[in-house]
Amino acid sequence: MSDLCTISFPATDYPPLTLQPHQNLSEHLTIQNSPVLFGCRTGICGTCLVEVFGEISPPQLDEQEMLETLAPQQPNARLACQLNCTKNIEIRRLEK
């Protein structure tokens, strides 16, 4: 069993990425290797709003407040810069 996390981007031409658990996605996802865009990388701009499928920890309070504003009807919405990946996940970009 692998301890690595695979981040895949369904319905895109981007290949999956493999990272160590708990690595910060915003430090590894770029315009060249993912459909996810980043602005502030601190969770306050909402540029990296995505829909996540897979097992992830719940959002912290600050992120939850942003999600309630940016994507109130999207239960799988997250800010990619705030994700703590420990398992394989799929990410789809959400438009604000």
N, C-alpha and C. Protein backbone atom coordinates (compact mmCIF):
# COMPACT_ATOMS: atom_id res chain seq x y z
N MET A 1 0.84 -1.19 0.00
CA MET A 1 0.00 0.00 0.00
C MET A 1 0.88 1.25 0.00
N SER A 2 0.52 2.20 -0.87
CA SER A 2 1.32 3.40 -1.01
C SER A 2 0.90 4.47 -0.01
N ASP A 3 1.88 5.20 0.50
CA ASP A 3 1.59 6.31 1.38
C ASP A 3 1.39 7.60 0.59
N LEU A 4 1.57 7.54 -0.74
CA LEU A 4 1.45 8.72 -1.57
C LEU A 4 -0.01 9.04 -1.87
N CYS A 5 -0.27 10.30 -2.20
CA CYS A 5 -1.61 10.75 -2.56
C CYS A 5 -1.61 11.09 -4.04
N THR A 6 -2.59 10.57 -4.76
CA THR A 6 -2.75 10.91 -6.17
C THR A 6 -3.85 11.94 -6.30
N ILE A 7 -3.53 13.05 -6.96
CA ILE A 7 -4.49 14.10 -7.21
C ILE A 7 -4.79 14.05 -8.70
N SER A 8 -6.05 13.73 -9.05
CA SER A 8 -6.40 13.63 -10.46
C SER A 8 -7.40 14.71 -10.84
N PHE A 9 -7.45 15.00 -12.12
CA PHE A 9 -8.28 16.07 -12.66
C PHE A 9 -9.17 15.52 -13.76
N PRO A 10 -10.30 14.86 -13.40
CA PRO A 10 -11.17 14.24 -14.39
C PRO A 10 -11.68 15.25 -15.42
N ALA A 11 -11.93 14.75 -16.60
CA ALA A 11 -12.47 15.54 -17.71
C ALA A 11 -11.52 16.65 -18.15
N THR A 12 -10.22 16.47 -17.90
CA THR A 12 -9.21 17.41 -18.39
C THR A 12 -8.09 16.59 -19.04
N ASP A 13 -7.16 17.28 -19.67
CA ASP A 13 -5.99 16.62 -20.25
C ASP A 13 -4.81 16.58 -19.29
N TYR A 14 -5.01 17.08 -18.06
CA TYR A 14 -3.92 17.11 -17.10
C TYR A 14 -3.70 15.73 -16.49
N PRO A 15 -2.46 15.24 -16.47
CA PRO A 15 -2.19 13.94 -15.84
C PRO A 15 -2.27 14.05 -14.33
N PRO A 16 -2.55 12.94 -13.65
CA PRO A 16 -2.58 12.96 -12.18
C PRO A 16 -1.21 13.33 -11.61
N LEU A 17 -1.24 13.92 -10.43
CA LEU A 17 -0.01 14.24 -9.70
C LEU A 17 0.07 13.35 -8.48
N THR A 18 1.28 13.01 -8.08
CA THR A 18 1.48 12.20 -6.89
C THR A 18 2.30 13.02 -5.90
N LEU A 19 1.75 13.16 -4.70
CA LEU A 19 2.42 13.95 -3.65
C LEU A 19 2.50 13.15 -2.36
N GLN A 20 3.40 13.58 -1.50
CA GLN A 20 3.47 13.02 -0.16
C GLN A 20 2.25 13.51 0.62
N PRO A 21 1.74 12.73 1.57
CA PRO A 21 0.63 13.21 2.40
C PRO A 21 0.99 14.52 3.11
N HIS A 22 0.01 15.38 3.27
CA HIS A 22 0.11 16.66 3.97
C HIS A 22 0.91 17.73 3.23
N GLN A 23 1.29 17.47 1.97
CA GLN A 23 1.96 18.51 1.21
C GLN A 23 0.93 19.56 0.80
N ASN A 24 1.33 20.82 0.78
CA ASN A 24 0.45 21.91 0.44
C ASN A 24 0.24 21.93 -1.08
N LEU A 25 -1.01 21.75 -1.51
CA LEU A 25 -1.29 21.72 -2.94
C LEU A 25 -0.87 22.99 -3.65
N SER A 26 -1.04 24.14 -3.01
CA SER A 26 -0.72 25.40 -3.68
C SER A 26 0.77 25.52 -4.00
N GLU A 27 1.60 24.74 -3.34
CA GLU A 27 3.03 24.75 -3.63
C GLU A 27 3.39 23.81 -4.79
N HIS A 28 2.45 22.96 -5.20
CA HIS A 28 2.75 21.96 -6.21
C HIS A 28 1.90 22.06 -7.47
N LEU A 29 0.72 22.67 -7.37
CA LEU A 29 -0.12 22.81 -8.54
C LEU A 29 0.23 24.11 -9.26
N THR A 30 0.43 24.01 -10.57
CA THR A 30 0.77 25.17 -11.38
C THR A 30 -0.16 25.22 -12.58
N ILE A 31 -0.13 26.31 -13.31
CA ILE A 31 -0.94 26.45 -14.51
C ILE A 31 -0.52 25.40 -15.55
N GLN A 32 0.72 24.92 -15.47
CA GLN A 32 1.20 23.92 -16.41
C GLN A 32 0.74 22.50 -16.07
N ASN A 33 0.49 22.21 -14.78
CA ASN A 33 0.18 20.83 -14.42
C ASN A 33 -1.21 20.62 -13.85
N SER A 34 -2.05 21.68 -13.81
CA SER A 34 -3.40 21.49 -13.28
C SER A 34 -4.33 22.59 -13.79
N PRO A 35 -5.63 22.35 -13.73
CA PRO A 35 -6.60 23.39 -14.12
C PRO A 35 -6.88 24.38 -13.00
N VAL A 36 -6.25 24.20 -11.85
CA VAL A 36 -6.52 25.03 -10.68
C VAL A 36 -5.68 26.31 -10.75
N LEU A 37 -6.34 27.45 -10.59
CA LEU A 37 -5.65 28.73 -10.56
C LEU A 37 -5.52 29.20 -9.11
N PHE A 38 -4.46 29.93 -8.83
CA PHE A 38 -4.24 30.44 -7.48
C PHE A 38 -4.04 31.95 -7.52
N GLY A 39 -4.53 32.62 -6.51
CA GLY A 39 -4.30 34.05 -6.35
C GLY A 39 -3.45 34.26 -5.12
N CYS A 40 -4.11 34.44 -3.97
CA CYS A 40 -3.41 34.76 -2.73
C CYS A 40 -2.70 33.56 -2.10
N ARG A 41 -3.21 32.36 -2.32
CA ARG A 41 -2.68 31.11 -1.72
C ARG A 41 -2.83 31.06 -0.20
N THR A 42 -3.70 31.91 0.35
CA THR A 42 -3.92 31.92 1.79
C THR A 42 -5.38 31.69 2.17
N GLY A 43 -6.25 31.49 1.18
CA GLY A 43 -7.65 31.19 1.48
C GLY A 43 -8.57 32.38 1.57
N ILE A 44 -8.11 33.57 1.15
CA ILE A 44 -9.00 34.73 1.26
C ILE A 44 -9.52 35.27 -0.07
N CYS A 45 -8.98 34.81 -1.20
CA CYS A 45 -9.43 35.37 -2.49
C CYS A 45 -10.45 34.48 -3.20
N GLY A 46 -10.41 33.16 -2.97
CA GLY A 46 -11.35 32.25 -3.60
C GLY A 46 -11.01 31.84 -5.01
N THR A 47 -9.85 32.26 -5.52
CA THR A 47 -9.46 31.92 -6.89
C THR A 47 -9.35 30.41 -7.10
N CYS A 48 -8.91 29.70 -6.09
CA CYS A 48 -8.66 28.25 -6.22
C CYS A 48 -9.87 27.41 -5.81
N LEU A 49 -11.06 27.95 -5.97
CA LEU A 49 -12.28 27.22 -5.62
C LEU A 49 -12.41 25.97 -6.49
N VAL A 50 -12.53 24.82 -5.86
CA VAL A 50 -12.62 23.55 -6.57
C VAL A 50 -13.70 22.67 -5.93
N GLU A 51 -14.07 21.65 -6.67
CA GLU A 51 -14.94 20.61 -6.16
C GLU A 51 -14.06 19.39 -5.94
N VAL A 52 -14.11 18.82 -4.75
CA VAL A 52 -13.22 17.71 -4.39
C VAL A 52 -14.03 16.46 -4.14
N PHE A 53 -13.56 15.34 -4.71
CA PHE A 53 -14.17 14.04 -4.50
C PHE A 53 -13.11 13.12 -3.92
N GLY A 54 -13.40 12.56 -2.76
CA GLY A 54 -12.46 11.70 -2.07
C GLY A 54 -12.45 12.08 -0.60
N GLU A 55 -11.65 11.37 0.15
CA GLU A 55 -11.61 11.56 1.61
C GLU A 55 -10.64 12.67 1.97
N ILE A 56 -11.18 13.75 2.53
CA ILE A 56 -10.35 14.87 2.99
C ILE A 56 -10.88 15.35 4.33
N SER A 57 -10.03 16.03 5.06
CA SER A 57 -10.46 16.55 6.35
C SER A 57 -11.42 17.73 6.12
N PRO A 58 -12.31 17.98 7.08
CA PRO A 58 -13.27 19.09 6.91
C PRO A 58 -12.54 20.44 6.92
N PRO A 59 -13.17 21.46 6.34
CA PRO A 59 -12.52 22.77 6.30
C PRO A 59 -12.43 23.41 7.68
N GLN A 60 -11.39 24.20 7.87
CA GLN A 60 -11.26 25.00 9.08
C GLN A 60 -12.29 26.12 9.02
N LEU A 61 -12.53 26.79 10.12
CA LEU A 61 -13.57 27.81 10.21
C LEU A 61 -13.43 28.92 9.17
N ASP A 62 -12.22 29.45 8.98
CA ASP A 62 -12.02 30.52 7.99
C ASP A 62 -12.37 30.06 6.59
N GLU A 63 -11.94 28.84 6.22
CA GLU A 63 -12.26 28.32 4.90
C GLU A 63 -13.76 28.08 4.79
N GLN A 64 -14.38 27.55 5.82
CA GLN A 64 -15.82 27.28 5.80
C GLN A 64 -16.61 28.56 5.55
N GLU A 65 -16.20 29.65 6.18
CA GLU A 65 -16.87 30.93 5.96
C GLU A 65 -16.76 31.39 4.52
N MET A 66 -15.58 31.22 3.91
CA MET A 66 -15.41 31.58 2.49
C MET A 66 -16.28 30.70 1.60
N LEU A 67 -16.33 29.40 1.91
CA LEU A 67 -17.13 28.47 1.10
C LEU A 67 -18.61 28.80 1.18
N GLU A 68 -19.08 29.21 2.35
CA GLU A 68 -20.49 29.58 2.50
C GLU A 68 -20.83 30.80 1.64
N THR A 69 -19.86 31.66 1.40
CA THR A 69 -20.06 32.84 0.55
C THR A 69 -19.91 32.49 -0.93
N LEU A 70 -18.85 31.74 -1.28
CA LEU A 70 -18.52 31.48 -2.68
C LEU A 70 -19.33 30.35 -3.31
N ALA A 71 -19.65 29.34 -2.54
CA ALA A 71 -20.30 28.14 -3.10
C ALA A 71 -21.27 27.54 -2.09
N PRO A 72 -22.31 28.30 -1.70
CA PRO A 72 -23.19 27.84 -0.63
C PRO A 72 -23.96 26.55 -0.95
N GLN A 73 -24.19 26.26 -2.19
CA GLN A 73 -24.95 25.06 -2.57
C GLN A 73 -24.06 23.92 -3.06
N GLN A 74 -22.78 24.00 -2.78
CA GLN A 74 -21.82 23.00 -3.25
C GLN A 74 -21.18 22.28 -2.07
N PRO A 75 -21.70 21.13 -1.67
CA PRO A 75 -21.15 20.43 -0.50
C PRO A 75 -19.72 19.94 -0.67
N ASN A 76 -19.26 19.76 -1.92
CA ASN A 76 -17.90 19.27 -2.15
C ASN A 76 -16.93 20.41 -2.46
N ALA A 77 -17.38 21.65 -2.34
CA ALA A 77 -16.52 22.79 -2.64
C ALA A 77 -15.44 22.95 -1.57
N ARG A 78 -14.25 23.27 -2.04
CA ARG A 78 -13.12 23.55 -1.15
C ARG A 78 -12.21 24.56 -1.81
N LEU A 79 -11.33 25.15 -1.03
CA LEU A 79 -10.27 26.00 -1.55
C LEU A 79 -9.03 25.13 -1.65
N ALA A 80 -8.51 24.96 -2.86
CA ALA A 80 -7.38 24.05 -3.07
C ALA A 80 -6.17 24.43 -2.23
N CYS A 81 -5.98 25.72 -1.98
CA CYS A 81 -4.81 26.14 -1.19
C CYS A 81 -4.91 25.72 0.27
N GLN A 82 -6.10 25.32 0.71
CA GLN A 82 -6.31 24.94 2.11
C GLN A 82 -6.41 23.43 2.31
N LEU A 83 -6.35 22.66 1.23
CA LEU A 83 -6.53 21.21 1.34
C LEU A 83 -5.34 20.53 1.98
N ASN A 84 -5.64 19.60 2.85
CA ASN A 84 -4.63 18.74 3.47
C ASN A 84 -4.91 17.33 2.96
N CYS A 85 -4.20 16.92 1.92
CA CYS A 85 -4.46 15.63 1.29
C CYS A 85 -3.74 14.50 2.02
N THR A 86 -4.50 13.48 2.35
CA THR A 86 -3.92 12.29 2.96
C THR A 86 -4.32 11.04 2.18
N LYS A 87 -5.25 11.18 1.25
CA LYS A 87 -5.74 10.07 0.42
C LYS A 87 -5.82 10.55 -1.03
N ASN A 88 -6.12 9.64 -1.94
CA ASN A 88 -6.31 10.00 -3.33
C ASN A 88 -7.58 10.83 -3.48
N ILE A 89 -7.50 11.89 -4.28
CA ILE A 89 -8.66 12.75 -4.51
C ILE A 89 -8.78 13.12 -5.98
N GLU A 90 -9.99 13.52 -6.35
CA GLU A 90 -10.24 14.10 -7.67
C GLU A 90 -10.64 15.55 -7.46
N ILE A 91 -10.12 16.42 -8.33
CA ILE A 91 -10.41 17.85 -8.23
C ILE A 91 -10.98 18.34 -9.54
N ARG A 92 -12.08 19.09 -9.44
CA ARG A 92 -12.65 19.78 -10.59
C ARG A 92 -12.75 21.26 -10.23
N ARG A 93 -12.36 22.10 -11.15
CA ARG A 93 -12.40 23.55 -10.91
C ARG A 93 -13.85 24.04 -10.89
N LEU A 94 -14.17 24.90 -9.95
CA LEU A 94 -15.48 25.54 -9.87
C LEU A 94 -15.34 27.01 -10.24
N GLU A 95 -16.30 27.53 -10.96
CA GLU A 95 -16.28 28.94 -11.29
C GLU A 95 -17.04 29.70 -10.20
N LYS A 96 -16.50 30.84 -9.78
CA LYS A 96 -17.17 31.67 -8.78
C LYS A 96 -18.34 32.37 -9.40
